[in-house]
C-alpha atoms as a PDB file:
ATOM      1  CA  MET A   1      59.544 -18.128  20.549  1.00  0.00           C
ATOM      2  CA  SER A   2      56.979 -19.357  23.012  1.00  0.00           C
ATOM      3  CA  LYS A   3      55.753 -22.314  20.931  1.00  0.00           C
ATOM      4  CA  GLU A   4      57.577 -24.385  18.340  1.00  0.00           C
ATOM      5  CA  GLN A   5      56.052 -24.266  14.868  1.00  0.00           C
ATOM      6  CA  GLN A   6      54.993 -27.659  13.516  1.00  0.00           C
ATOM      7  CA  TYR A   7      55.749 -28.940  10.005  1.00  0.00           C
ATOM      8  CA  ASP A   8      55.692 -32.306   8.256  1.00  0.00           C
ATOM      9  CA  MET A   9      59.383 -32.125   7.371  1.00  0.00           C
ATOM     10  CA  ILE A  10      62.221 -29.668   7.812  1.00  0.00           C
ATOM     11  CA  ILE A  11      64.776 -29.289   5.033  1.00  0.00           C
ATOM     12  CA  VAL A  12      68.172 -27.877   5.960  1.00  0.00           C
ATOM     13  CA  GLY A  13      69.401 -25.990   2.906  1.00  0.00           C
ATOM     14  CA  ALA A  14      67.597 -24.016   0.200  1.00  0.00           C
ATOM     15  CA  GLY A  15      69.745 -24.710  -2.831  1.00  0.00           C
ATOM     16  CA  PRO A  16      68.413 -26.514  -5.925  1.00  0.00           C
ATOM     17  CA  ILE A  17      68.285 -29.894  -4.139  1.00  0.00           C
ATOM     18  CA  GLY A  18      66.634 -28.458  -1.040  1.00  0.00           C
ATOM     19  CA  ILE A  19      64.060 -26.795  -3.274  1.00  0.00           C
ATOM     20  CA  ALA A  20      63.596 -30.075  -5.178  1.00  0.00           C
ATOM     21  CA  CYS A  21      62.835 -31.796  -1.864  1.00  0.00           C
ATOM     22  CA  GLY A  22      60.407 -29.040  -0.904  1.00  0.00           C
ATOM     23  CA  VAL A  23      58.632 -29.170  -4.260  1.00  0.00           C
ATOM     24  CA  GLU A  24      58.277 -32.952  -4.136  1.00  0.00           C
ATOM     25  CA  ALA A  25      56.935 -32.754  -0.589  1.00  0.00           C
ATOM     26  CA  LYS A  26      54.349 -30.117  -1.532  1.00  0.00           C
ATOM     27  CA  ARG A  27      53.293 -32.112  -4.593  1.00  0.00           C
ATOM     28  CA  ARG A  28      52.673 -35.115  -2.360  1.00  0.00           C
ATOM     29  CA  GLY A  29      50.593 -33.219   0.175  1.00  0.00           C
ATOM     30  CA  LEU A  30      53.212 -32.501   2.855  1.00  0.00           C
ATOM     31  CA  ARG A  31      54.072 -29.192   4.508  1.00  0.00           C
ATOM     32  CA  PRO A  32      57.850 -28.648   4.412  1.00  0.00           C
ATOM     33  CA  LEU A  33      59.927 -25.834   5.868  1.00  0.00           C
ATOM     34  CA  LEU A  34      63.270 -24.947   4.286  1.00  0.00           C
ATOM     35  CA  ILE A  35      65.894 -23.313   6.512  1.00  0.00           C
ATOM     36  CA  GLU A  36      68.896 -21.637   4.855  1.00  0.00           C
ATOM     37  CA  LYS A  37      71.853 -19.935   6.525  1.00  0.00           C
ATOM     38  CA  GLY A  38      72.407 -17.609   3.548  1.00  0.00           C
ATOM     39  CA  SER A  39      70.259 -16.279   0.759  1.00  0.00           C
ATOM     40  CA  LEU A  40      67.914 -18.414  -1.271  1.00  0.00           C
ATOM     41  CA  LEU A  41      70.129 -20.469  -3.629  1.00  0.00           C
ATOM     42  CA  ASN A  42      73.140 -19.072  -1.826  1.00  0.00           C
ATOM     43  CA  ALA A  43      75.745 -21.299  -3.528  1.00  0.00           C
ATOM     44  CA  ILE A  44      74.418 -20.516  -7.016  1.00  0.00           C
ATOM     45  CA  TYR A  45      74.414 -16.820  -6.151  1.00  0.00           C
ATOM     46  CA  GLU A  46      78.105 -17.080  -5.183  1.00  0.00           C
ATOM     47  CA  PHE A  47      79.068 -18.746  -8.482  1.00  0.00           C
ATOM     48  CA  PRO A  48      81.024 -16.708 -11.063  1.00  0.00           C
ATOM     49  CA  THR A  49      78.818 -13.969 -12.486  1.00  0.00           C
ATOM     50  CA  ASN A  50      79.141 -15.076 -16.118  1.00  0.00           C
ATOM     51  CA  LEU A  51      78.938 -18.817 -15.484  1.00  0.00           C
ATOM     52  CA  VAL A  52      77.178 -20.984 -18.063  1.00  0.00           C
ATOM     53  CA  PHE A  53      76.120 -24.380 -16.724  1.00  0.00           C
ATOM     54  CA  PHE A  54      77.286 -27.633 -18.273  1.00  0.00           C
ATOM     55  CA  SER A  55      73.799 -29.222 -18.101  1.00  0.00           C
ATOM     56  CA  THR A  56      70.988 -28.437 -20.495  1.00  0.00           C
ATOM     57  CA  SER A  57      67.890 -26.876 -18.976  1.00  0.00           C
ATOM     58  CA  ASN A  58      65.682 -29.976 -19.306  1.00  0.00           C
ATOM     59  CA  LEU A  59      68.027 -31.868 -16.962  1.00  0.00           C
ATOM     60  CA  LEU A  60      67.527 -29.217 -14.283  1.00  0.00           C
ATOM     61  CA  GLU A  61      63.727 -29.066 -14.384  1.00  0.00           C
ATOM     62  CA  ILE A  62      61.766 -29.868 -11.244  1.00  0.00           C
ATOM     63  CA  GLY A  63      58.088 -30.358 -10.516  1.00  0.00           C
ATOM     64  CA  ASP A  64      56.943 -30.376 -14.156  1.00  0.00           C
ATOM     65  CA  VAL A  65      57.745 -26.673 -14.478  1.00  0.00           C
ATOM     66  CA  PRO A  66      59.492 -26.029 -17.840  1.00  0.00           C
ATOM     67  CA  PHE A  67      62.882 -24.330 -17.767  1.00  0.00           C
ATOM     68  CA  ILE A  68      63.170 -22.082 -20.836  1.00  0.00           C
ATOM     69  CA  THR A  69      66.551 -20.501 -21.541  1.00  0.00           C
ATOM     70  CA  SER A  70      67.863 -18.031 -24.095  1.00  0.00           C
ATOM     71  CA  GLY A  71      70.687 -20.334 -25.201  1.00  0.00           C
ATOM     72  CA  PRO A  72      71.420 -24.049 -25.350  1.00  0.00           C
ATOM     73  CA  LYS A  73      72.588 -24.061 -21.714  1.00  0.00           C
ATOM     74  CA  PRO A  74      71.396 -21.950 -18.778  1.00  0.00           C
ATOM     75  CA  THR A  75      73.316 -19.102 -17.216  1.00  0.00           C
ATOM     76  CA  ARG A  76      73.742 -18.464 -13.518  1.00  0.00           C
ATOM     77  CA  LEU A  77      71.090 -15.737 -13.641  1.00  0.00           C
ATOM     78  CA  GLU A  78      68.608 -17.997 -15.448  1.00  0.00           C
ATOM     79  CA  ILE A  79      69.174 -20.704 -12.815  1.00  0.00           C
ATOM     80  CA  LEU A  80      68.475 -18.229 -10.020  1.00  0.00           C
ATOM     81  CA  ARG A  81      65.297 -17.026 -11.689  1.00  0.00           C
ATOM     82  CA  TYR A  82      64.025 -20.528 -12.473  1.00  0.00           C
ATOM     83  CA  TYR A  83      64.380 -21.935  -8.962  1.00  0.00           C
ATOM     84  CA  THR A  84      62.988 -18.751  -7.431  1.00  0.00           C
ATOM     85  CA  ARG A  85      59.973 -19.137  -9.713  1.00  0.00           C
ATOM     86  CA  LEU A  86      59.629 -22.747  -8.566  1.00  0.00           C
ATOM     87  CA  ALA A  87      59.629 -21.638  -4.929  1.00  0.00           C
ATOM     88  CA  GLU A  88      56.876 -19.107  -5.647  1.00  0.00           C
ATOM     89  CA  HIS A  89      54.825 -21.493  -7.806  1.00  0.00           C
ATOM     90  CA  TYR A  90      54.735 -24.156  -5.092  1.00  0.00           C
ATOM     91  CA  GLU A  91      54.444 -21.596  -2.274  1.00  0.00           C
ATOM     92  CA  LEU A  92      57.365 -23.039  -0.351  1.00  0.00           C
ATOM     93  CA  GLU A  93      57.942 -21.779   3.187  1.00  0.00           C
ATOM     94  CA  PHE A  94      61.446 -20.528   4.007  1.00  0.00           C
ATOM     95  CA  LYS A  95      63.511 -19.219   6.876  1.00  0.00           C
ATOM     96  CA  ILE A  96      66.368 -17.339   5.191  1.00  0.00           C
ATOM     97  CA  TYR A  97      69.623 -16.120   6.798  1.00  0.00           C
ATOM     98  CA  GLU A  98      69.017 -18.516   9.676  1.00  0.00           C
ATOM     99  CA  ARG A  99      71.592 -21.198  10.473  1.00  0.00           C
ATOM    100  CA  VAL A 100      70.516 -24.565  11.852  1.00  0.00           C
ATOM    101  CA  GLU A 101      72.536 -25.145  15.007  1.00  0.00           C
ATOM    102  CA  ASP A 102      71.077 -28.371  16.344  1.00  0.00           C
ATOM    103  CA  ILE A 103      68.618 -31.157  15.549  1.00  0.00           C
ATOM    104  CA  ARG A 104      67.419 -33.290  18.449  1.00  0.00           C
ATOM    105  CA  ARG A 105      64.744 -35.965  18.843  1.00  0.00           C
ATOM    106  CA  ASP A 106      61.869 -35.022  21.158  1.00  0.00           C
ATOM    107  CA  GLY A 107      59.228 -37.724  21.322  1.00  0.00           C
ATOM    108  CA  GLU A 108      57.853 -38.411  17.838  1.00  0.00           C
ATOM    109  CA  ASP A 109      59.415 -35.272  16.380  1.00  0.00           C
ATOM    110  CA  TYR A 110      62.723 -33.603  15.778  1.00  0.00           C
ATOM    111  CA  VAL A 111      63.229 -30.139  17.194  1.00  0.00           C
ATOM    112  CA  VAL A 112      65.427 -27.934  14.998  1.00  0.00           C
ATOM    113  CA  ARG A 113      67.072 -25.004  16.729  1.00  0.00           C
ATOM    114  CA  THR A 114      68.602 -22.126  14.818  1.00  0.00           C
ATOM    115  CA  SER A 115      70.980 -19.198  15.170  1.00  0.00           C
ATOM    116  CA  ARG A 116      68.032 -16.865  15.743  1.00  0.00           C
ATOM    117  CA  GLN A 117      67.058 -18.661  18.937  1.00  0.00           C
ATOM    118  CA  ARG A 118      64.045 -20.154  17.187  1.00  0.00           C
ATOM    119  CA  SER A 119      62.825 -23.739  17.200  1.00  0.00           C
ATOM    120  CA  TYR A 120      60.814 -25.718  14.657  1.00  0.00           C
ATOM    121  CA  ARG A 121      59.299 -29.162  14.999  1.00  0.00           C
ATOM    122  CA  ALA A 122      58.752 -31.975  12.486  1.00  0.00           C
ATOM    123  CA  PRO A 123      58.802 -35.794  12.469  1.00  0.00           C
ATOM    124  CA  PHE A 124      61.312 -35.837   9.590  1.00  0.00           C
ATOM    125  CA  ALA A 125      64.422 -33.846   8.669  1.00  0.00           C
ATOM    126  CA  VAL A 126      66.306 -33.632   5.373  1.00  0.00           C
ATOM    127  CA  LEU A 127      69.941 -32.522   5.135  1.00  0.00           C
ATOM    128  CA  ALA A 128      70.431 -30.820   1.760  1.00  0.00           C
ATOM    129  CA  ILE A 129      73.381 -28.806   3.003  1.00  0.00           C
ATOM    130  CA  GLY A 130      75.516 -28.674  -0.144  1.00  0.00           C
ATOM    131  CA  PHE A 131      79.246 -28.025   0.145  1.00  0.00           C
ATOM    132  CA  TYR A 132      80.129 -24.630  -1.345  1.00  0.00           C
ATOM    133  CA  ASP A 133      80.539 -22.843   1.993  1.00  0.00           C
ATOM    134  CA  PHE A 134      83.506 -24.972   3.065  1.00  0.00           C
ATOM    135  CA  PRO A 135      86.553 -24.670   0.778  1.00  0.00           C
ATOM    136  CA  ASN A 136      89.407 -27.141   0.884  1.00  0.00           C
ATOM    137  CA  MET A 137      92.139 -25.091   2.512  1.00  0.00           C
ATOM    138  CA  LEU A 138      95.778 -24.921   1.463  1.00  0.00           C
ATOM    139  CA  ASP A 139      96.928 -24.825   5.101  1.00  0.00           C
ATOM    140  CA  VAL A 140      99.963 -22.658   4.358  1.00  0.00           C
ATOM    141  CA  PRO A 141     101.258 -19.469   6.001  1.00  0.00           C
ATOM    142  CA  GLY A 142      99.619 -16.381   4.535  1.00  0.00           C
ATOM    143  CA  GLU A 143      96.393 -18.062   3.435  1.00  0.00           C
ATOM    144  CA  ASP A 144      94.483 -15.636   5.657  1.00  0.00           C
ATOM    145  CA  LEU A 145      95.801 -12.565   3.785  1.00  0.00           C
ATOM    146  CA  PRO A 146      93.116 -10.376   2.118  1.00  0.00           C
ATOM    147  CA  LYS A 147      94.605 -11.090  -1.314  1.00  0.00           C
ATOM    148  CA  VAL A 148      93.661 -14.790  -1.036  1.00  0.00           C
ATOM    149  CA  SER A 149      90.218 -16.098  -1.976  1.00  0.00           C
ATOM    150  CA  HIS A 150      88.697 -19.539  -2.485  1.00  0.00           C
ATOM    151  CA  TYR A 151      85.935 -18.033  -4.620  1.00  0.00           C
ATOM    152  CA  TYR A 152      85.952 -16.304  -7.991  1.00  0.00           C
ATOM    153  CA  ARG A 153      83.194 -13.957  -9.167  1.00  0.00           C
ATOM    154  CA  GLU A 154      84.489 -11.981 -12.173  1.00  0.00           C
ATOM    155  CA  ALA A 155      87.684 -10.872 -13.867  1.00  0.00           C
ATOM    156  CA  HIS A 156      87.461  -7.071 -13.654  1.00  0.00           C
ATOM    157  CA  PRO A 157      89.152  -6.584 -10.228  1.00  0.00           C
ATOM    158  CA  TYR A 158      92.228  -8.433 -11.493  1.00  0.00           C
ATOM    159  CA  TYR A 159      92.978  -6.254 -14.521  1.00  0.00           C
ATOM    160  CA  ARG A 160      96.784  -6.055 -15.003  1.00  0.00           C
ATOM    161  CA  GLN A 161      97.364  -7.908 -11.738  1.00  0.00           C
ATOM    162  CA  LYS A 162      99.599 -10.924 -11.178  1.00  0.00           C
ATOM    163  CA  VAL A 163      97.138 -13.660 -10.257  1.00  0.00           C
ATOM    164  CA  ALA A 164      97.970 -17.193  -9.147  1.00  0.00           C
ATOM    165  CA  VAL A 165      95.170 -19.686  -9.822  1.00  0.00           C
ATOM    166  CA  ILE A 166      95.624 -22.867  -7.794  1.00  0.00           C
ATOM    167  CA  GLY A 167      94.025 -26.080  -9.054  1.00  0.00           C
ATOM    168  CA  GLY A 168      93.690 -28.126 -12.199  1.00  0.00           C
ATOM    169  CA  GLN A 169      90.003 -28.921 -12.589  1.00  0.00           C
ATOM    170  CA  ASN A 170      87.216 -27.068 -14.409  1.00  0.00           C
ATOM    171  CA  SER A 171      86.848 -24.171 -11.981  1.00  0.00           C
ATOM    172  CA  ALA A 172      90.570 -23.393 -12.006  1.00  0.00           C
ATOM    173  CA  VAL A 173      90.898 -23.732 -15.785  1.00  0.00           C
ATOM    174  CA  GLU A 174      87.854 -21.567 -16.543  1.00  0.00           C
ATOM    175  CA  THR A 175      88.999 -18.952 -14.035  1.00  0.00           C
ATOM    176  CA  ALA A 176      92.490 -18.833 -15.558  1.00  0.00           C
ATOM    177  CA  LEU A 177      91.134 -18.426 -19.081  1.00  0.00           C
ATOM    178  CA  GLU A 178      88.676 -15.690 -18.154  1.00  0.00           C
ATOM    179  CA  LEU A 179      91.348 -13.778 -16.248  1.00  0.00           C
ATOM    180  CA  TYR A 180      93.763 -14.064 -19.180  1.00  0.00           C
ATOM    181  CA  ARG A 181      91.145 -12.696 -21.589  1.00  0.00           C
ATOM    182  CA  ASN A 182      90.625  -9.732 -19.284  1.00  0.00           C
ATOM    183  CA  ASN A 183      94.293  -8.719 -19.235  1.00  0.00           C
ATOM    184  CA  ALA A 184      95.452 -10.345 -16.022  1.00  0.00           C
ATOM    185  CA  ASP A 185      98.920 -11.879 -15.728  1.00  0.00           C
ATOM    186  CA  VAL A 186      97.929 -15.462 -14.910  1.00  0.00           C
ATOM    187  CA  THR A 187      99.939 -18.295 -13.384  1.00  0.00           C
ATOM    188  CA  LEU A 188      98.267 -21.695 -13.011  1.00  0.00           C
ATOM    189  CA  ILE A 189      99.609 -23.946 -10.235  1.00  0.00           C
ATOM    190  CA  HIS A 190      98.573 -27.595  -9.900  1.00  0.00           C
ATOM    191  CA  ARG A 191      99.878 -30.272  -7.567  1.00  0.00           C
ATOM    192  CA  GLU A 192      99.323 -33.020 -10.156  1.00  0.00           C
ATOM    193  CA  PRO A 193     101.498 -33.676 -13.236  1.00  0.00           C
ATOM    194  CA  ALA A 194      98.718 -32.666 -15.659  1.00  0.00           C
ATOM    195  CA  LEU A 195      95.308 -31.008 -15.791  1.00  0.00           C
ATOM    196  CA  GLY A 196      92.363 -33.033 -14.530  1.00  0.00           C
ATOM    197  CA  ARG A 197      90.763 -35.495 -16.934  1.00  0.00           C
ATOM    198  CA  SER A 198      87.342 -34.098 -16.090  1.00  0.00           C
ATOM    199  CA  VAL A 199      88.135 -30.688 -17.650  1.00  0.00           C
ATOM    200  CA  LYS A 200      85.473 -30.018 -20.287  1.00  0.00           C
ATOM    201  CA  TYR A 201      86.566 -31.353 -23.656  1.00  0.00           C
ATOM    202  CA  TRP A 202      85.948 -28.075 -25.473  1.00  0.00           C
ATOM    203  CA  ILE A 203      87.985 -26.121 -22.912  1.00  0.00           C
ATOM    204  CA  MET A 204      91.007 -28.412 -22.753  1.00  0.00           C
ATOM    205  CA  PRO A 205      92.503 -27.389 -26.138  1.00  0.00           C
ATOM    206  CA  ASP A 206      92.090 -23.721 -25.225  1.00  0.00           C
ATOM    207  CA  ILE A 207      93.979 -23.946 -21.929  1.00  0.00           C
ATOM    208  CA  GLU A 208      96.639 -26.234 -23.405  1.00  0.00           C
ATOM    209  CA  ASN A 209      97.292 -23.789 -26.245  1.00  0.00           C
ATOM    210  CA  ARG A 210      97.445 -20.793 -23.908  1.00  0.00           C
ATOM    211  CA  ILE A 211      99.991 -22.610 -21.753  1.00  0.00           C
ATOM    212  CA  LYS A 212     101.991 -23.769 -24.768  1.00  0.00           C
ATOM    213  CA  GLU A 213     102.264 -20.269 -26.204  1.00  0.00           C
ATOM    214  CA  GLY A 214     103.149 -18.791 -22.802  1.00  0.00           C
ATOM    215  CA  SER A 215     100.035 -16.615 -22.439  1.00  0.00           C
ATOM    216  CA  ILE A 216      99.276 -18.452 -19.215  1.00  0.00           C
ATOM    217  CA  LYS A 217     102.251 -19.630 -17.178  1.00  0.00           C
ATOM    218  CA  ALA A 218     101.804 -23.061 -15.602  1.00  0.00           C
ATOM    219  CA  TYR A 219     103.587 -25.089 -12.933  1.00  0.00           C
ATOM    220  CA  PHE A 220     102.659 -28.763 -12.549  1.00  0.00           C
ATOM    221  CA  ASP A 221     103.717 -31.139  -9.764  1.00  0.00           C
ATOM    222  CA  THR A 222     103.911 -27.928  -7.747  1.00  0.00           C
ATOM    223  CA  VAL A 223     102.400 -26.679  -4.497  1.00  0.00           C
ATOM    224  CA  VAL A 224     102.241 -23.294  -2.792  1.00  0.00           C
ATOM    225  CA  THR A 225     104.144 -23.379   0.491  1.00  0.00           C
ATOM    226  CA  ARG A 226     103.858 -19.745   1.561  1.00  0.00           C
ATOM    227  CA  ILE A 227     101.919 -16.603   0.643  1.00  0.00           C
ATOM    228  CA  ASP A 228     103.309 -13.140   1.331  1.00  0.00           C
ATOM    229  CA  ALA A 229     102.098  -9.644   0.521  1.00  0.00           C
ATOM    230  CA  ASP A 230     103.874  -9.389  -2.858  1.00  0.00           C
ATOM    231  CA  THR A 231     105.060 -12.938  -3.550  1.00  0.00           C
ATOM    232  CA  ILE A 232     104.210 -16.594  -3.210  1.00  0.00           C
ATOM    233  CA  THR A 233     106.644 -19.431  -2.586  1.00  0.00           C
ATOM    234  CA  LEU A 234     106.341 -22.574  -4.681  1.00  0.00           C
ATOM    235  CA  GLN A 235     107.782 -26.052  -4.322  1.00  0.00           C
ATOM    236  CA  THR A 236     108.037 -28.279  -7.388  1.00  0.00           C
ATOM    237  CA  LYS A 237     108.443 -31.994  -6.838  1.00  0.00           C
ATOM    238  CA  GLY A 238     112.177 -32.767  -6.680  1.00  0.00           C
ATOM    239  CA  GLY A 239     113.180 -29.120  -6.875  1.00  0.00           C
ATOM    240  CA  ASP A 240     114.145 -26.273  -4.569  1.00  0.00           C
ATOM    241  CA  PRO A 241     111.613 -23.712  -3.291  1.00  0.00           C
ATOM    242  CA  PHE A 242     111.340 -20.509  -5.313  1.00  0.00           C
ATOM    243  CA  THR A 243     109.265 -17.339  -5.206  1.00  0.00           C
ATOM    244  CA  ILE A 244     107.305 -15.469  -7.866  1.00  0.00           C
ATOM    245  CA  GLU A 245     105.756 -12.028  -7.779  1.00  0.00           C
ATOM    246  CA  ASN A 246     102.070 -12.077  -6.946  1.00  0.00           C
ATOM    247  CA  ASP A 247      99.173  -9.691  -6.278  1.00  0.00           C
ATOM    248  CA  PHE A 248      96.264 -12.123  -5.783  1.00  0.00           C
ATOM    249  CA  VAL A 249      95.735 -15.823  -5.117  1.00  0.00           C
ATOM    250  CA  LEU A 250      92.586 -17.642  -6.230  1.00  0.00           C
ATOM    251  CA  ALA A 251      92.615 -21.103  -4.667  1.00  0.00           C
ATOM    252  CA  MET A 252      90.207 -23.153  -6.785  1.00  0.00           C
ATOM    253  CA  THR A 253      90.880 -26.277  -4.738  1.00  0.00           C
ATOM    254  CA  GLY A 254      87.339 -27.541  -4.276  1.00  0.00           C
ATOM    255  CA  TYR A 255      84.891 -27.660  -1.401  1.00  0.00           C
ATOM    256  CA  HIS A 256      83.402 -30.123   1.078  1.00  0.00           C
ATOM    257  CA  PRO A 257      80.212 -30.511   3.135  1.00  0.00           C
ATOM    258  CA  ASP A 258      80.015 -29.423   6.757  1.00  0.00           C
ATOM    259  CA  TYR A 259      81.258 -32.674   8.252  1.00  0.00           C
ATOM    260  CA  ASP A 260      81.139 -31.295  11.805  1.00  0.00           C
ATOM    261  CA  PHE A 261      77.443 -30.534  11.439  1.00  0.00           C
ATOM    262  CA  LEU A 262      76.682 -33.996  10.056  1.00  0.00           C
ATOM    263  CA  GLU A 263      78.444 -35.658  12.961  1.00  0.00           C
ATOM    264  CA  ARG A 264      76.773 -33.320  15.450  1.00  0.00           C
ATOM    265  CA  VAL A 265      73.398 -34.471  14.136  1.00  0.00           C
ATOM    266  CA  GLY A 266      74.514 -38.083  14.567  1.00  0.00           C
ATOM    267  CA  VAL A 267      75.266 -39.035  10.964  1.00  0.00           C
ATOM    268  CA  GLU A 268      78.133 -41.516  10.805  1.00  0.00           C
ATOM    269  CA  LEU A 269      80.979 -40.701   8.387  1.00  0.00           C
ATOM    270  CA  ASN A 270      83.420 -43.146   6.884  1.00  0.00           C
ATOM    271  CA  PRO A 271      86.750 -42.190   8.532  1.00  0.00           C
ATOM    272  CA  GLU A 272      88.642 -42.408   5.222  1.00  0.00           C
ATOM    273  CA  THR A 273      86.177 -41.228   2.577  1.00  0.00           C
ATOM    274  CA  LYS A 274      84.000 -39.008   4.811  1.00  0.00           C
ATOM    275  CA  LYS A 275      81.006 -40.501   3.021  1.00  0.00           C
ATOM    276  CA  PRO A 276      77.904 -40.358   5.243  1.00  0.00           C
ATOM    277  CA  SER A 277      76.017 -43.500   6.163  1.00  0.00           C
ATOM    278  CA  TYR A 278      72.710 -43.657   4.274  1.00  0.00           C
ATOM    279  CA  ASP A 279      70.448 -46.042   2.373  1.00  0.00           C
ATOM    280  CA  PRO A 280      70.635 -45.189  -1.365  1.00  0.00           C
ATOM    281  CA  VAL A 281      67.110 -46.574  -1.864  1.00  0.00           C
ATOM    282  CA  THR A 282      65.447 -44.266   0.679  1.00  0.00           C
ATOM    283  CA  MET A 283      68.181 -41.660   1.380  1.00  0.00           C
ATOM    284  CA  GLN A 284      67.669 -42.196   5.121  1.00  0.00           C
ATOM    285  CA  THR A 285      70.858 -41.836   7.141  1.00  0.00           C
ATOM    286  CA  ASN A 286      71.834 -44.085  10.036  1.00  0.00           C
ATOM    287  CA  VAL A 287      69.728 -41.722  12.164  1.00  0.00           C
ATOM    288  CA  GLU A 288      66.086 -42.758  11.940  1.00  0.00           C
ATOM    289  CA  ASP A 289      63.891 -40.237  10.065  1.00  0.00           C
ATOM    290  CA  ILE A 290      66.827 -38.015   9.107  1.00  0.00           C
ATOM    291  CA  TYR A 291      67.526 -38.041   5.372  1.00  0.00           C
ATOM    292  CA  ILE A 292      70.319 -36.656   3.213  1.00  0.00           C
ATOM    293  CA  ALA A 293      70.237 -35.356  -0.367  1.00  0.00           C
ATOM    294  CA  GLY A 294      72.527 -33.847  -2.976  1.00  0.00           C
ATOM    295  CA  VAL A 295      76.306 -33.486  -2.889  1.00  0.00           C
ATOM    296  CA  ALA A 296      76.421 -33.984   0.882  1.00  0.00           C
ATOM    297  CA  CYS A 297      76.049 -37.698   0.089  1.00  0.00           C
ATOM    298  CA  GLY A 298      79.335 -37.850  -1.802  1.00  0.00           C
ATOM    299  CA  GLY A 299      82.091 -37.645   0.768  1.00  0.00           C
ATOM    300  CA  LEU A 300      85.598 -37.151  -0.579  1.00  0.00           C
ATOM    301  CA  THR A 301      85.357 -39.749  -3.340  1.00  0.00           C
ATOM    302  CA  ASP A 302      81.973 -39.218  -4.996  1.00  0.00           C
ATOM    303  CA  ILE A 303      81.289 -35.525  -4.456  1.00  0.00           C
ATOM    304  CA  ASN A 304      82.094 -34.694  -8.088  1.00  0.00           C
ATOM    305  CA  LYS A 305      79.642 -37.339  -9.302  1.00  0.00           C
ATOM    306  CA  ILE A 306      76.549 -35.684  -7.852  1.00  0.00           C
ATOM    307  CA  PHE A 307      74.977 -32.789  -9.728  1.00  0.00           C
ATOM    308  CA  ILE A 308      71.577 -31.108  -9.817  1.00  0.00           C
ATOM    309  CA  GLU A 309      70.385 -33.482 -12.535  1.00  0.00           C
ATOM    310  CA  ASN A 310      70.941 -36.656 -10.489  1.00  0.00           C
ATOM    311  CA  GLY A 311      70.688 -35.079  -7.042  1.00  0.00           C
ATOM    312  CA  ARG A 312      67.115 -33.986  -7.754  1.00  0.00           C
ATOM    313  CA  GLU A 313      66.143 -37.674  -7.864  1.00  0.00           C
ATOM    314  CA  HIS A 314      67.017 -37.954  -4.177  1.00  0.00           C
ATOM    315  CA  ALA A 315      63.925 -35.849  -3.428  1.00  0.00           C
ATOM    316  CA  LYS A 316      61.589 -38.438  -4.927  1.00  0.00           C
ATOM    317  CA  LEU A 317      63.227 -41.298  -3.043  1.00  0.00           C
ATOM    318  CA  LEU A 318      63.140 -39.704   0.384  1.00  0.00           C
ATOM    319  CA  VAL A 319      59.630 -38.266   0.074  1.00  0.00           C
ATOM    320  CA  ALA A 320      58.354 -41.668  -1.072  1.00  0.00           C
ATOM    321  CA  ASP A 321      59.870 -43.254   2.045  1.00  0.00           C
ATOM    322  CA  ILE A 322      58.367 -40.599   4.311  1.00  0.00           C
ATOM    323  CA  LEU A 323      54.920 -41.148   2.799  1.00  0.00           C
ATOM    324  CA  LYS A 324      55.316 -44.899   3.244  1.00  0.00           C
ATOM    325  CA  LYS A 325      56.079 -44.368   6.941  1.00  0.00           C
ATOM    326  CA  LEU A 326      53.004 -42.154   7.208  1.00  0.00           C
ATOM    327  CA  GLY A 327      50.878 -44.800   5.506  1.00  0.00           C
ATOM    328  CA  ARG A 328      50.267 -42.539   2.526  1.00  0.00           C
ATOM    329  CA  ASN A 329      51.579 -44.277  -0.565  1.00  0.00           C
ATOM    330  CA  SER A 330      49.599 -42.341  -3.176  1.00  0.00           C
END
């Protein structure tokens, strides 16, 4: 492009928190641009098709726009529709399927360069990059086989297949139960001695009973050491390696933000926790006029403590600080 387009702030990421930042900026008289490497709400779109959210709809509302749902808690589809409606209502500007490659200071502004060889200019940048695009890898031979996935959409493709679900938190437990109820032969594998304490209280008895009766096989204190075309090799603490027959592996081992991108922008990360350096009062990082919002703030230790309902508050904090810098406190 011959001339960089000028905005008041550029938001990297167009998930719920990125949209919350854009809505708050528009409500306060700013012109934001949201840049997203995937589709609008890409992480939510990639969630399991039949997912029902834990939060009630009122805790997900943004910008005084009511969120009406058909049941007590919203579905994935209702979430997609609500935040899309928000984007239309507030006339947010987007660049979709465009990856931010670099953010560099140029005078009073930051210049944001993207994968489409385009550049955009603004005095402030917000990193609402989420974490769902970067799974925690097993780092074992065979993890690159087509039968292995770190994402689960729906049970139908796994009908009468031998499926290993790796993990012991909510995503792994819910995946295992849904697969079992759709006639898959399910084995749950978890490196810890028991299921995670954060597993939803109404789901825990279900998975425990399915394991107890043998409907779902489970190995605890166990890791996968190798994945082959028709088998996987397991290692239980204190025991010898052994193999089981296997058709598919669903590694529900969690996700993490794009740490390389954060460091490339100049955001300092704690070497142990990977938590970015930022002021929790303003959400400004150690880089002047670059802010962070949502789960990207959590690092390794707090990432499961940040959700849409509390992450949306980051938008108010950072926009308030930007307005203060601009001398516009109202």
